[in-house]
């Protein structure tokens, strides 16, 4: 800091426009190109991640829906051992649960079932 009569001077920095050299412009261009490349790569990663997470959310929502229906209705579809009885006199097929002995289906025999098997 210099002091000269009533004028006082001091050093400080200001942001001012400065003309770039050709080399500085080229380096800035390369830097921008690299930043664009990085941005595009991150956008691709974001899309892949979003798709992955979206799929996971869809699976969870389907599970929530199934379990909500189960709670609401008090029923769940399960594989249950049953017995199929083919009545060749009435041409009816009857499906009965083995655990409760409750008849769950009665229907007409299909064409394959109408072919009676004989013990040889």
PDB file of N, CA and C in Angstrom:
ATOM      1  N   UNK A   1       0.841  -1.158   0.000  1.00  0.00           N
ATOM      2  CA  UNK A   1       0.000   0.000   0.000  1.00  0.00           C
ATOM      3  C   UNK A   1       0.899   1.237   0.000  1.00  0.00           C
ATOM      4  N   UNK A   2       0.596   2.086  -0.946  1.00  0.00           N
ATOM      5  CA  UNK A   2       1.391   3.316  -1.028  1.00  0.00           C
ATOM      6  C   UNK A   2       0.540   4.498  -0.588  1.00  0.00           C
ATOM      7  N   UNK A   3       1.190   5.442   0.077  1.00  0.00           N
ATOM      8  CA  UNK A   3       0.465   6.611   0.535  1.00  0.00           C
ATOM      9  C   UNK A   3       1.162   7.838  -0.037  1.00  0.00           C
ATOM     10  N   UNK A   4       0.437   8.611  -0.787  1.00  0.00           N
ATOM     11  CA  UNK A   4       1.013   9.775  -1.449  1.00  0.00           C
ATOM     12  C   UNK A   4       0.060  10.939  -1.252  1.00  0.00           C
ATOM     13  N   UNK A   5       0.255  11.761  -0.304  1.00  0.00           N
ATOM     14  CA  UNK A   5      -0.600  12.904  -0.017  1.00  0.00           C
ATOM     15  C   UNK A   5      -1.975  12.457   0.418  1.00  0.00           C
ATOM     16  N   UNK A   6      -2.971  12.882  -0.318  1.00  0.00           N
ATOM     17  CA  UNK A   6      -4.352  12.525   0.013  1.00  0.00           C
ATOM     18  C   UNK A   6      -4.846  11.326  -0.802  1.00  0.00           C
ATOM     19  N   UNK A   7      -4.001  10.775  -1.634  1.00  0.00           N
ATOM     20  CA  UNK A   7      -4.390   9.600  -2.436  1.00  0.00           C
ATOM     21  C   UNK A   7      -3.772   8.368  -1.810  1.00  0.00           C
ATOM     22  N   UNK A   8      -4.572   7.443  -1.594  1.00  0.00           N
ATOM     23  CA  UNK A   8      -4.109   6.171  -1.043  1.00  0.00           C
ATOM     24  C   UNK A   8      -4.373   5.081  -2.088  1.00  0.00           C
ATOM     25  N   UNK A   9      -3.439   4.245  -2.366  1.00  0.00           N
ATOM     26  CA  UNK A   9      -3.612   3.150  -3.339  1.00  0.00           C
ATOM     27  C   UNK A   9      -3.365   1.825  -2.642  1.00  0.00           C
ATOM     28  N   UNK A  10      -4.054   0.806  -3.141  1.00  0.00           N
ATOM     29  CA  UNK A  10      -3.864  -0.542  -2.627  1.00  0.00           C
ATOM     30  C   UNK A  10      -4.133  -1.537  -3.738  1.00  0.00           C
ATOM     31  N   UNK A  11      -3.600  -2.740  -3.616  1.00  0.00           N
ATOM     32  CA  UNK A  11      -3.783  -3.803  -4.599  1.00  0.00           C
ATOM     33  C   UNK A  11      -5.032  -4.611  -4.246  1.00  0.00           C
ATOM     34  N   UNK A  12      -5.826  -4.948  -5.273  1.00  0.00           N
ATOM     35  CA  UNK A  12      -6.970  -5.836  -5.102  1.00  0.00           C
ATOM     36  C   UNK A  12      -7.276  -6.499  -6.428  1.00  0.00           C
ATOM     37  N   UNK A  13      -8.077  -7.529  -6.381  1.00  0.00           N
ATOM     38  CA  UNK A  13      -8.396  -8.278  -7.601  1.00  0.00           C
ATOM     39  C   UNK A  13      -9.837  -8.028  -8.000  1.00  0.00           C
ATOM     40  N   UNK A  14     -10.059  -7.966  -9.300  1.00  0.00           N
ATOM     41  CA  UNK A  14     -11.401  -7.807  -9.864  1.00  0.00           C
ATOM     42  C   UNK A  14     -11.559  -8.796 -11.006  1.00  0.00           C
ATOM     43  N   UNK A  15     -12.752  -9.281 -11.183  1.00  0.00           N
ATOM     44  CA  UNK A  15     -13.028 -10.173 -12.304  1.00  0.00           C
ATOM     45  C   UNK A  15     -13.356  -9.293 -13.507  1.00  0.00           C
ATOM     46  N   UNK A  16     -12.477  -9.380 -14.508  1.00  0.00           N
ATOM     47  CA  UNK A  16     -12.614  -8.540 -15.701  1.00  0.00           C
ATOM     48  C   UNK A  16     -12.453  -9.395 -16.951  1.00  0.00           C
ATOM     49  N   UNK A  17     -13.039  -8.996 -18.075  1.00  0.00           N
ATOM     50  CA  UNK A  17     -12.872  -9.758 -19.315  1.00  0.00           C
ATOM     51  C   UNK A  17     -11.434  -9.726 -19.800  1.00  0.00           C
ATOM     52  N   UNK A  18     -10.947 -10.892 -20.223  1.00  0.00           N
ATOM     53  CA  UNK A  18      -9.601 -11.007 -20.767  1.00  0.00           C
ATOM     54  C   UNK A  18      -9.691 -11.813 -22.052  1.00  0.00           C
ATOM     55  N   UNK A  19      -9.065 -11.375 -23.105  1.00  0.00           N
ATOM     56  CA  UNK A  19      -9.088 -12.069 -24.387  1.00  0.00           C
ATOM     57  C   UNK A  19      -8.285 -13.363 -24.267  1.00  0.00           C
ATOM     58  N   UNK A  20      -8.894 -14.472 -24.717  1.00  0.00           N
ATOM     59  CA  UNK A  20      -8.227 -15.768 -24.663  1.00  0.00           C
ATOM     60  C   UNK A  20      -7.290 -15.935 -25.853  1.00  0.00           C
ATOM     61  N   UNK A  21      -6.236 -16.665 -25.606  1.00  0.00           N
ATOM     62  CA  UNK A  21      -5.343 -17.024 -26.709  1.00  0.00           C
ATOM     63  C   UNK A  21      -5.968 -18.200 -27.456  1.00  0.00           C
ATOM     64  N   UNK A  22      -5.457 -18.486 -28.639  1.00  0.00           N
ATOM     65  CA  UNK A  22      -5.965 -19.634 -29.400  1.00  0.00           C
ATOM     66  C   UNK A  22      -5.785 -20.925 -28.609  1.00  0.00           C
ATOM     67  N   UNK A  23      -4.656 -21.038 -27.932  1.00  0.00           N
ATOM     68  CA  UNK A  23      -4.386 -22.245 -27.142  1.00  0.00           C
ATOM     69  C   UNK A  23      -5.385 -22.363 -25.990  1.00  0.00           C
ATOM     70  N   UNK A  24      -5.686 -21.259 -25.302  1.00  0.00           N
ATOM     71  CA  UNK A  24      -6.645 -21.280 -24.198  1.00  0.00           C
ATOM     72  C   UNK A  24      -8.049 -21.655 -24.695  1.00  0.00           C
ATOM     73  N   UNK A  25      -8.407 -21.144 -25.855  1.00  0.00           N
ATOM     74  CA  UNK A  25      -9.717 -21.474 -26.441  1.00  0.00           C
ATOM     75  C   UNK A  25      -9.791 -22.960 -26.779  1.00  0.00           C
ATOM     76  N   UNK A  26      -8.707 -23.500 -27.333  1.00  0.00           N
ATOM     77  CA  UNK A  26      -8.684 -24.920 -27.692  1.00  0.00           C
ATOM     78  C   UNK A  26      -8.803 -25.783 -26.433  1.00  0.00           C
ATOM     79  N   UNK A  27      -8.082 -25.431 -25.393  1.00  0.00           N
ATOM     80  CA  UNK A  27      -8.159 -26.179 -24.134  1.00  0.00           C
ATOM     81  C   UNK A  27      -9.566 -26.109 -23.526  1.00  0.00           C
ATOM     82  N   UNK A  28     -10.190 -24.950 -23.603  1.00  0.00           N
ATOM     83  CA  UNK A  28     -11.552 -24.795 -23.087  1.00  0.00           C
ATOM     84  C   UNK A  28     -12.524 -25.663 -23.895  1.00  0.00           C
ATOM     85  N   UNK A  29     -12.315 -25.723 -25.205  1.00  0.00           N
ATOM     86  CA  UNK A  29     -13.162 -26.568 -26.058  1.00  0.00           C
ATOM     87  C   UNK A  29     -13.026 -28.033 -25.701  1.00  0.00           C
ATOM     88  N   UNK A  30     -11.786 -28.483 -25.471  1.00  0.00           N
ATOM     89  CA  UNK A  30     -11.564 -29.877 -25.066  1.00  0.00           C
ATOM     90  C   UNK A  30     -12.222 -30.156 -23.720  1.00  0.00           C
ATOM     91  N   UNK A  31     -12.169 -29.207 -22.828  1.00  0.00           N
ATOM     92  CA  UNK A  31     -12.776 -29.360 -21.510  1.00  0.00           C
ATOM     93  C   UNK A  31     -14.300 -29.484 -21.631  1.00  0.00           C
ATOM     94  N   UNK A  32     -14.882 -28.650 -22.475  1.00  0.00           N
ATOM     95  CA  UNK A  32     -16.337 -28.717 -22.677  1.00  0.00           C
ATOM     96  C   UNK A  32     -16.728 -30.066 -23.282  1.00  0.00           C
ATOM     97  N   UNK A  33     -15.958 -30.539 -24.249  1.00  0.00           N
ATOM     98  CA  UNK A  33     -16.245 -31.830 -24.873  1.00  0.00           C
ATOM     99  C   UNK A  33     -16.215 -32.943 -23.828  1.00  0.00           C
ATOM    100  N   UNK A  34     -15.242 -32.917 -22.942  1.00  0.00           N
ATOM    101  CA  UNK A  34     -15.149 -33.932 -21.891  1.00  0.00           C
ATOM    102  C   UNK A  34     -16.332 -33.826 -20.933  1.00  0.00           C
ATOM    103  N   UNK A  35     -16.738 -32.607 -20.589  1.00  0.00           N
ATOM    104  CA  UNK A  35     -17.887 -32.426 -19.699  1.00  0.00           C
ATOM    105  C   UNK A  35     -19.176 -32.934 -20.351  1.00  0.00           C
ATOM    106  N   UNK A  36     -19.334 -32.714 -21.643  1.00  0.00           N
ATOM    107  CA  UNK A  36     -20.509 -33.211 -22.374  1.00  0.00           C
ATOM    108  C   UNK A  36     -20.510 -34.739 -22.348  1.00  0.00           C
ATOM    109  N   UNK A  37     -19.358 -35.338 -22.588  1.00  0.00           N
ATOM    110  CA  UNK A  37     -19.245 -36.805 -22.573  1.00  0.00           C
ATOM    111  C   UNK A  37     -19.624 -37.355 -21.201  1.00  0.00           C
ATOM    112  N   UNK A  38     -19.104 -36.750 -20.140  1.00  0.00           N
ATOM    113  CA  UNK A  38     -19.412 -37.196 -18.779  1.00  0.00           C
ATOM    114  C   UNK A  38     -20.906 -37.058 -18.485  1.00  0.00           C
ATOM    115  N   UNK A  39     -21.502 -35.967 -18.946  1.00  0.00           N
ATOM    116  CA  UNK A  39     -22.932 -35.737 -18.739  1.00  0.00           C
ATOM    117  C   UNK A  39     -23.760 -36.802 -19.453  1.00  0.00           C
ATOM    118  N   UNK A  40     -23.398 -37.120 -20.687  1.00  0.00           N
ATOM    119  CA  UNK A  40     -24.115 -38.146 -21.449  1.00  0.00           C
ATOM    120  C   UNK A  40     -23.986 -39.516 -20.779  1.00  0.00           C
ATOM    121  N   UNK A  41     -22.810 -39.832 -20.273  1.00  0.00           N
ATOM    122  CA  UNK A  41     -22.609 -41.107 -19.574  1.00  0.00           C
ATOM    123  C   UNK A  41     -23.477 -41.190 -18.322  1.00  0.00           C
ATOM    124  N   UNK A  42     -23.526 -40.082 -17.574  1.00  0.00           N
ATOM    125  CA  UNK A  42     -24.360 -40.065 -16.372  1.00  0.00           C
ATOM    126  C   UNK A  42     -25.839 -40.170 -16.722  1.00  0.00           C
ATOM    127  N   UNK A  43     -26.262 -39.556 -17.815  1.00  0.00           N
ATOM    128  CA  UNK A  43     -27.657 -39.655 -18.254  1.00  0.00           C
ATOM    129  C   UNK A  43     -28.001 -41.107 -18.585  1.00  0.00           C
ATOM    130  N   UNK A  44     -27.072 -41.810 -19.238  1.00  0.00           N
ATOM    131  CA  UNK A  44     -27.306 -43.217 -19.569  1.00  0.00           C
ATOM    132  C   UNK A  44     -27.388 -44.061 -18.295  1.00  0.00           C
ATOM    133  N   UNK A  45     -26.500 -43.807 -17.354  1.00  0.00           N
ATOM    134  CA  UNK A  45     -26.532 -44.520 -16.073  1.00  0.00           C
ATOM    135  C   UNK A  45     -27.846 -44.244 -15.348  1.00  0.00           C
ATOM    136  N   UNK A  46     -28.275 -42.997 -15.387  1.00  0.00           N
ATOM    137  CA  UNK A  46     -29.527 -42.604 -14.728  1.00  0.00           C
ATOM    138  C   UNK A  46     -30.703 -43.362 -15.336  1.00  0.00           C
ATOM    139  N   UNK A  47     -30.754 -43.452 -16.666  1.00  0.00           N
ATOM    140  CA  UNK A  47     -31.842 -44.163 -17.337  1.00  0.00           C
ATOM    141  C   UNK A  47     -31.840 -45.637 -16.958  1.00  0.00           C
ATOM    142  N   UNK A  48     -30.656 -46.246 -16.952  1.00  0.00           N
ATOM    143  CA  UNK A  48     -30.559 -47.666 -16.602  1.00  0.00           C
ATOM    144  C   UNK A  48     -30.989 -47.884 -15.151  1.00  0.00           C
ATOM    145  N   UNK A  49     -30.542 -47.012 -14.273  1.00  0.00           N
ATOM    146  CA  UNK A  49     -30.900 -47.133 -12.859  1.00  0.00           C
ATOM    147  C   UNK A  49     -32.399 -46.923 -12.667  1.00  0.00           C
ATOM    148  N   UNK A  50     -32.946 -45.914 -13.338  1.00  0.00           N
ATOM    149  CA  UNK A  50     -34.374 -45.630 -13.241  1.00  0.00           C
ATOM    150  C   UNK A  50     -35.188 -46.824 -13.723  1.00  0.00           C
ATOM    151  N   UNK A  51     -34.767 -47.438 -14.827  1.00  0.00           N
ATOM    152  CA  UNK A  51     -35.473 -48.608 -15.344  1.00  0.00           C
ATOM    153  C   UNK A  51     -35.395 -49.763 -14.345  1.00  0.00           C
ATOM    154  N   UNK A  52     -34.225 -49.967 -13.782  1.00  0.00           N
ATOM    155  CA  UNK A  52     -34.040 -51.053 -12.812  1.00  0.00           C
ATOM    156  C   UNK A  52     -34.911 -50.825 -11.583  1.00  0.00           C
ATOM    157  N   UNK A  53     -34.873 -49.634 -11.051  1.00  0.00           N
ATOM    158  CA  UNK A  53     -35.658 -49.316  -9.861  1.00  0.00           C
ATOM    159  C   UNK A  53     -37.151 -49.372 -10.196  1.00  0.00           C
ATOM    160  N   UNK A  54     -37.503 -48.903 -11.384  1.00  0.00           N
ATOM    161  CA  UNK A  54     -38.906 -48.955 -11.803  1.00  0.00           C
ATOM    162  C   UNK A  54     -39.412 -50.390 -11.838  1.00  0.00           C
ATOM    163  N   UNK A  55     -38.584 -51.304 -12.338  1.00  0.00           N
ATOM    164  CA  UNK A  55     -38.959 -52.721 -12.367  1.00  0.00           C
ATOM    165  C   UNK A  55     -39.126 -53.285 -10.971  1.00  0.00           C
ATOM    166  N   UNK A  56     -38.231 -52.910 -10.078  1.00  0.00           N
ATOM    167  CA  UNK A  56     -38.307 -53.387  -8.696  1.00  0.00           C
ATOM    168  C   UNK A  56     -39.574 -52.858  -8.014  1.00  0.00           C
ATOM    169  N   UNK A  57     -39.893 -51.597  -8.281  1.00  0.00           N
ATOM    170  CA  UNK A  57     -41.104 -50.998  -7.700  1.00  0.00           C
ATOM    171  C   UNK A  57     -42.339 -51.713  -8.233  1.00  0.00           C
ATOM    172  N   UNK A  58     -42.352 -52.027  -9.520  1.00  0.00           N
ATOM    173  CA  UNK A  58     -43.497 -52.719 -10.119  1.00  0.00           C
ATOM    174  C   UNK A  58     -43.707 -54.078  -9.451  1.00  0.00           C
ATOM    175  N   UNK A  59     -42.627 -54.812  -9.232  1.00  0.00           N
ATOM    176  CA  UNK A  59     -42.720 -56.119  -8.569  1.00  0.00           C
ATOM    177  C   UNK A  59     -43.287 -55.959  -7.159  1.00  0.00           C
ATOM    178  N   UNK A  60     -42.798 -54.975  -6.438  1.00  0.00           N
ATOM    179  CA  UNK A  60     -43.293 -54.748  -5.069  1.00  0.00           C
ATOM    180  C   UNK A  60     -44.771 -54.356  -5.080  1.00  0.00           C
ATOM    181  N   UNK A  61     -45.180 -53.528  -6.032  1.00  0.00           N
ATOM    182  CA  UNK A  61     -46.578 -53.110  -6.115  1.00  0.00           C
ATOM    183  C   UNK A  61     -47.481 -54.303  -6.429  1.00  0.00           C
ATOM    184  N   UNK A  62     -47.019 -55.219  -7.277  1.00  0.00           N
ATOM    185  CA  UNK A  62     -47.791 -56.428  -7.581  1.00  0.00           C
ATOM    186  C   UNK A  62     -47.945 -57.291  -6.326  1.00  0.00           C
ATOM    187  N   UNK A  63     -46.867 -57.408  -5.542  1.00  0.00           N
ATOM    188  CA  UNK A  63     -46.940 -58.179  -4.294  1.00  0.00           C
ATOM    189  C   UNK A  63     -47.913 -57.523  -3.316  1.00  0.00           C
ATOM    190  N   UNK A  64     -47.841 -56.207  -3.214  1.00  0.00           N
ATOM    191  CA  UNK A  64     -48.751 -55.473  -2.328  1.00  0.00           C
ATOM    192  C   UNK A  64     -50.195 -55.705  -2.754  1.00  0.00           C
ATOM    193  N   UNK A  65     -50.440 -55.645  -4.044  1.00  0.00           N
ATOM    194  CA  UNK A  65     -51.787 -55.840  -4.570  1.00  0.00           C
ATOM    195  C   UNK A  65     -52.316 -57.239  -4.246  1.00  0.00           C
ATOM    196  N   UNK A  66     -51.475 -58.266  -4.469  1.00  0.00           N
ATOM    197  CA  UNK A  66     -51.895 -59.645  -4.174  1.00  0.00           C
ATOM    198  C   UNK A  66     -52.192 -59.824  -2.690  1.00  0.00           C
ATOM    199  N   UNK A  67     -51.293 -59.314  -1.852  1.00  0.00           N
ATOM    200  CA  UNK A  67     -51.485 -59.496  -0.408  1.00  0.00           C
ATOM    201  C   UNK A  67     -52.661 -58.672   0.103  1.00  0.00           C
ATOM    202  N   UNK A  68     -52.884 -57.499  -0.481  1.00  0.00           N
ATOM    203  CA  UNK A  68     -54.044 -56.688  -0.084  1.00  0.00           C
ATOM    204  C   UNK A  68     -55.336 -57.416  -0.420  1.00  0.00           C
ATOM    205  N   UNK A  69     -55.390 -58.021  -1.609  1.00  0.00           N
ATOM    206  CA  UNK A  69     -56.578 -58.787  -2.003  1.00  0.00           C
ATOM    207  C   UNK A  69     -56.769 -59.973  -1.069  1.00  0.00           C
ATOM    208  N   UNK A  70     -55.667 -60.632  -0.703  1.00  0.00           N
ATOM    209  CA  UNK A  70     -55.735 -61.773   0.205  1.00  0.00           C
ATOM    210  C   UNK A  70     -56.304 -61.335   1.558  1.00  0.00           C
ATOM    211  N   UNK A  71     -55.847 -60.214   2.062  1.00  0.00           N
ATOM    212  CA  UNK A  71     -56.340 -59.701   3.345  1.00  0.00           C
ATOM    213  C   UNK A  71     -57.810 -59.299   3.224  1.00  0.00           C
ATOM    214  N   UNK A  72     -58.133 -58.585   2.156  1.00  0.00           N
ATOM    215  CA  UNK A  72     -59.502 -58.106   1.935  1.00  0.00           C
ATOM    216  C   UNK A  72     -60.487 -59.274   1.809  1.00  0.00           C
ATOM    217  N   UNK A  73     -60.127 -60.273   0.987  1.00  0.00           N
ATOM    218  CA  UNK A  73     -61.038 -61.372   0.698  1.00  0.00           C
ATOM    219  C   UNK A  73     -60.942 -62.519   1.697  1.00  0.00           C
ATOM    220  N   UNK A  74     -59.837 -62.583   2.434  1.00  0.00           N
ATOM    221  CA  UNK A  74     -59.630 -63.679   3.374  1.00  0.00           C
ATOM    222  C   UNK A  74     -59.363 -64.999   2.675  1.00  0.00           C
ATOM    223  N   UNK A  75     -58.879 -64.932   1.424  1.00  0.00           N
ATOM    224  CA  UNK A  75     -58.646 -66.127   0.608  1.00  0.00           C
ATOM    225  C   UNK A  75     -57.317 -65.981  -0.114  1.00  0.00           C
ATOM    226  N   UNK A  76     -56.600 -67.105  -0.236  1.00  0.00           N
ATOM    227  CA  UNK A  76     -55.365 -67.127  -1.018  1.00  0.00           C
ATOM    228  C   UNK A  76     -55.404 -68.351  -1.919  1.00  0.00           C
ATOM    229  N   UNK A  77     -55.049 -68.173  -3.177  1.00  0.00           N
ATOM    230  CA  UNK A  77     -54.994 -69.295  -4.101  1.00  0.00           C
ATOM    231  C   UNK A  77     -53.717 -70.080  -3.811  1.00  0.00           C
ATOM    232  N   UNK A  78     -53.870 -71.385  -3.554  1.00  0.00           N
ATOM    233  CA  UNK A  78     -52.740 -72.259  -3.254  1.00  0.00           C
ATOM    234  C   UNK A  78     -52.914 -73.570  -4.020  1.00  0.00           C
ATOM    235  N   UNK A  79     -51.796 -74.253  -4.234  1.00  0.00           N
ATOM    236  CA  UNK A  79     -51.857 -75.592  -4.818  1.00  0.00           C
ATOM    237  C   UNK A  79     -52.303 -76.546  -3.725  1.00  0.00           C
ATOM    238  N   UNK A  80     -53.366 -77.318  -4.014  1.00  0.00           N
ATOM    239  CA  UNK A  80     -53.931 -78.244  -3.040  1.00  0.00           C
ATOM    240  C   UNK A  80     -54.069 -79.608  -3.715  1.00  0.00           C
ATOM    241  N   UNK A  81     -53.707 -80.663  -3.007  1.00  0.00           N
ATOM    242  CA  UNK A  81     -53.861 -82.020  -3.531  1.00  0.00           C
ATOM    243  C   UNK A  81     -55.348 -82.338  -3.668  1.00  0.00           C
ATOM    244  N   UNK A  82     -55.727 -82.831  -4.853  1.00  0.00           N
ATOM    245  CA  UNK A  82     -57.119 -83.152  -5.134  1.00  0.00           C
ATOM    246  C   UNK A  82     -57.218 -84.536  -5.764  1.00  0.00           C
ATOM    247  N   UNK A  83     -58.426 -85.043  -5.788  1.00  0.00           N
ATOM    248  CA  UNK A  83     -58.696 -86.325  -6.437  1.00  0.00           C
ATOM    249  C   UNK A  83     -59.662 -86.064  -7.585  1.00  0.00           C
ATOM    250  N   UNK A  84     -59.352 -86.588  -8.764  1.00  0.00           N
ATOM    251  CA  UNK A  84     -60.213 -86.472  -9.932  1.00  0.00           C
ATOM    252  C   UNK A  84     -60.927 -87.807 -10.109  1.00  0.00           C
ATOM    253  N   UNK A  85     -62.252 -87.771 -10.086  1.00  0.00           N
ATOM    254  CA  UNK A  85     -63.059 -88.976 -10.287  1.00  0.00           C
ATOM    255  C   UNK A  85     -63.779 -88.864 -11.617  1.00  0.00           C
ATOM    256  N   UNK A  86     -63.636 -89.897 -12.457  1.00  0.00           N
ATOM    257  CA  UNK A  86     -64.295 -89.930 -13.752  1.00  0.00           C
ATOM    258  C   UNK A  86     -65.446 -90.927 -13.684  1.00  0.00           C
ATOM    259  N   UNK A  87     -66.657 -90.446 -13.837  1.00  0.00           N
ATOM    260  CA  UNK A  87     -67.841 -91.300 -13.771  1.00  0.00           C
ATOM    261  C   UNK A  87     -68.298 -91.585 -15.200  1.00  0.00           C
ATOM    262  N   UNK A  88     -68.091 -92.832 -15.642  1.00  0.00           N
ATOM    263  CA  UNK A  88     -68.413 -93.194 -17.023  1.00  0.00           C
ATOM    264  C   UNK A  88     -69.901 -93.454 -17.211  1.00  0.00           C
ATOM    265  N   UNK A  89     -70.643 -93.568 -16.129  1.00  0.00           N
ATOM    266  CA  UNK A  89     -72.094 -93.749 -16.229  1.00  0.00           C
ATOM    267  C   UNK A  89     -72.769 -92.409 -16.488  1.00  0.00           C
ATOM    268  N   UNK A  90     -72.389 -91.392 -15.710  1.00  0.00           N
ATOM    269  CA  UNK A  90     -73.000 -90.062 -15.860  1.00  0.00           C
ATOM    270  C   UNK A  90     -72.213 -89.176 -16.818  1.00  0.00           C
ATOM    271  N   UNK A  91     -71.029 -89.629 -17.235  1.00  0.00           N
ATOM    272  CA  UNK A  91     -70.102 -88.860 -18.080  1.00  0.00           C
ATOM    273  C   UNK A  91     -69.729 -87.527 -17.432  1.00  0.00           C
ATOM    274  N   UNK A  92     -69.500 -87.587 -16.117  1.00  0.00           N
ATOM    275  CA  UNK A  92     -69.114 -86.408 -15.345  1.00  0.00           C
ATOM    276  C   UNK A  92     -67.761 -86.635 -14.686  1.00  0.00           C
ATOM    277  N   UNK A  93     -66.994 -85.538 -14.537  1.00  0.00           N
ATOM    278  CA  UNK A  93     -65.730 -85.547 -13.811  1.00  0.00           C
ATOM    279  C   UNK A  93     -65.932 -84.723 -12.549  1.00  0.00           C
ATOM    280  N   UNK A  94     -65.426 -85.247 -11.437  1.00  0.00           N
ATOM    281  CA  UNK A  94     -65.574 -84.552 -10.160  1.00  0.00           C
ATOM    282  C   UNK A  94     -64.188 -84.383  -9.546  1.00  0.00           C
ATOM    283  N   UNK A  95     -63.902 -83.148  -9.101  1.00  0.00           N
ATOM    284  CA  UNK A  95     -62.641 -82.845  -8.426  1.00  0.00           C
ATOM    285  C   UNK A  95     -62.961 -82.595  -6.959  1.00  0.00           C
ATOM    286  N   UNK A  96     -62.264 -83.337  -6.078  1.00  0.00           N
ATOM    287  CA  UNK A  96     -62.504 -83.236  -4.639  1.00  0.00           C
ATOM    288  C   UNK A  96     -61.183 -82.947  -3.934  1.00  0.00           C
ATOM    289  N   UNK A  97     -61.223 -81.971  -3.018  1.00  0.00           N
ATOM    290  CA  UNK A  97     -60.027 -81.674  -2.213  1.00  0.00           C
ATOM    291  C   UNK A  97     -59.736 -82.848  -1.306  1.00  0.00           C
ATOM    292  N   UNK A  98     -58.461 -83.258  -1.231  1.00  0.00           N
ATOM    293  CA  UNK A  98     -58.096 -84.374  -0.359  1.00  0.00           C
ATOM    294  C   UNK A  98     -58.045 -83.954   1.110  1.00  0.00           C
ATOM    295  N   UNK A  99     -57.709 -82.689   1.382  1.00  0.00           N
ATOM    296  CA  UNK A  99     -57.566 -82.252   2.771  1.00  0.00           C
ATOM    297  C   UNK A  99     -58.908 -82.059   3.472  1.00  0.00           C
ATOM    298  N   UNK A 100     -59.931 -81.569   2.754  1.00  0.00           N
ATOM    299  CA  UNK A 100     -61.228 -81.289   3.380  1.00  0.00           C
ATOM    300  C   UNK A 100     -62.344 -82.186   2.868  1.00  0.00           C
ATOM    301  N   UNK A 101     -62.062 -82.971   1.823  1.00  0.00           N
ATOM    302  CA  UNK A 101     -63.051 -83.848   1.173  1.00  0.00           C
ATOM    303  C   UNK A 101     -64.205 -83.051   0.562  1.00  0.00           C
ATOM    304  N   UNK A 102     -63.969 -81.761   0.284  1.00  0.00           N
ATOM    305  CA  UNK A 102     -65.001 -80.908  -0.317  1.00  0.00           C
ATOM    306  C   UNK A 102     -64.886 -80.998  -1.832  1.00  0.00           C
ATOM    307  N   UNK A 103     -66.039 -81.173  -2.481  1.00  0.00           N
ATOM    308  CA  UNK A 103     -66.096 -81.229  -3.934  1.00  0.00           C
ATOM    309  C   UNK A 103     -65.954 -79.801  -4.460  1.00  0.00           C
ATOM    310  N   UNK A 104     -64.941 -79.548  -5.328  1.00  0.00           N
ATOM    311  CA  UNK A 104     -64.688 -78.194  -5.812  1.00  0.00           C
ATOM    312  C   UNK A 104     -65.069 -77.983  -7.269  1.00  0.00           C
ATOM    313  N   UNK A 105     -65.299 -79.085  -7.997  1.00  0.00           N
ATOM    314  CA  UNK A 105     -65.663 -78.924  -9.394  1.00  0.00           C
ATOM    315  C   UNK A 105     -66.368 -80.188  -9.888  1.00  0.00           C
ATOM    316  N   UNK A 106     -67.426 -79.979 -10.666  1.00  0.00           N
ATOM    317  CA  UNK A 106     -68.089 -81.058 -11.394  1.00  0.00           C
ATOM    318  C   UNK A 106     -68.289 -80.550 -12.808  1.00  0.00           C
ATOM    319  N   UNK A 107     -67.897 -81.388 -13.776  1.00  0.00           N
ATOM    320  CA  UNK A 107     -67.984 -80.971 -15.175  1.00  0.00           C
ATOM    321  C   UNK A 107     -68.191 -82.191 -16.050  1.00  0.00           C
ATOM    322  N   UNK A 108     -68.509 -81.954 -17.307  1.00  0.00           N
ATOM    323  CA  UNK A 108     -68.636 -83.046 -18.266  1.00  0.00           C
ATOM    324  C   UNK A 108     -67.245 -83.593 -18.583  1.00  0.00           C
ATOM    325  N   UNK A 109     -67.180 -84.881 -18.865  1.00  0.00           N
ATOM    326  CA  UNK A 109     -65.904 -85.472 -19.280  1.00  0.00           C
ATOM    327  C   UNK A 109     -65.490 -84.879 -20.628  1.00  0.00           C
ATOM    328  N   UNK A 110     -64.188 -84.617 -20.781  1.00  0.00           N
ATOM    329  CA  UNK A 110     -63.713 -84.177 -22.100  1.00  0.00           C
ATOM    330  C   UNK A 110     -63.493 -85.417 -22.969  1.00  0.00           C
ATOM    331  N   UNK A 111     -63.190 -85.210 -24.232  1.00  0.00           N
ATOM    332  CA  UNK A 111     -63.081 -86.328 -25.179  1.00  0.00           C
ATOM    333  C   UNK A 111     -62.015 -87.344 -24.764  1.00  0.00           C
ATOM    334  N   UNK A 112     -60.883 -86.885 -24.272  1.00  0.00           N
ATOM    335  CA  UNK A 112     -59.829 -87.804 -23.826  1.00  0.00           C
ATOM    336  C   UNK A 112     -60.288 -88.633 -22.632  1.00  0.00           C
ATOM    337  N   UNK A 113     -60.991 -87.978 -21.693  1.00  0.00           N
ATOM    338  CA  UNK A 113     -61.441 -88.678 -20.492  1.00  0.00           C
ATOM    339  C   UNK A 113     -62.518 -89.725 -20.802  1.00  0.00           C
ATOM    340  N   UNK A 114     -63.267 -89.528 -21.882  1.00  0.00           N
ATOM    341  CA  UNK A 114     -64.327 -90.464 -22.247  1.00  0.00           C
ATOM    342  C   UNK A 114     -63.764 -91.802 -22.719  1.00  0.00           C
ATOM    343  N   UNK A 115     -62.502 -91.835 -23.055  1.00  0.00           N
ATOM    344  CA  UNK A 115     -61.856 -93.082 -23.479  1.00  0.00           C
ATOM    345  C   UNK A 115     -61.478 -93.867 -22.237  1.00  0.00           C
ATOM    346  N   UNK A 116     -62.298 -94.852 -21.905  1.00  0.00           N
ATOM    347  CA  UNK A 116     -62.098 -95.633 -20.691  1.00  0.00           C
ATOM    348  C   UNK A 116     -60.861 -96.528 -20.854  1.00  0.00           C
ATOM    349  N   UNK A 117     -60.036 -96.554 -19.838  1.00  0.00           N
ATOM    350  CA  UNK A 117     -58.851 -97.416 -19.856  1.00  0.00           C
ATOM    351  C   UNK A 117     -59.192 -98.772 -19.264  1.00  0.00           C
ATOM    352  N   UNK A 118     -58.651 -99.812 -19.851  1.00  0.00           N
ATOM    353  CA  UNK A 118     -58.889-101.173 -19.359  1.00  0.00           C
ATOM    354  C   UNK A 118     -57.586-101.726 -18.805  1.00  0.00           C
ATOM    355  N   UNK A 119     -57.681-102.416 -17.690  1.00  0.00           N
ATOM    356  CA  UNK A 119     -56.502-103.093 -17.132  1.00  0.00           C
ATOM    357  C   UNK A 119     -56.198-104.310 -17.995  1.00  0.00           C
ATOM    358  N   UNK A 120     -54.974-104.464 -18.409  1.00  0.00           N
ATOM    359  CA  UNK A 120     -54.601-105.591 -19.260  1.00  0.00           C
ATOM    360  C   UNK A 120     -53.848-106.616 -18.456  1.00  0.00           C
TER     361      UNK A 120
END
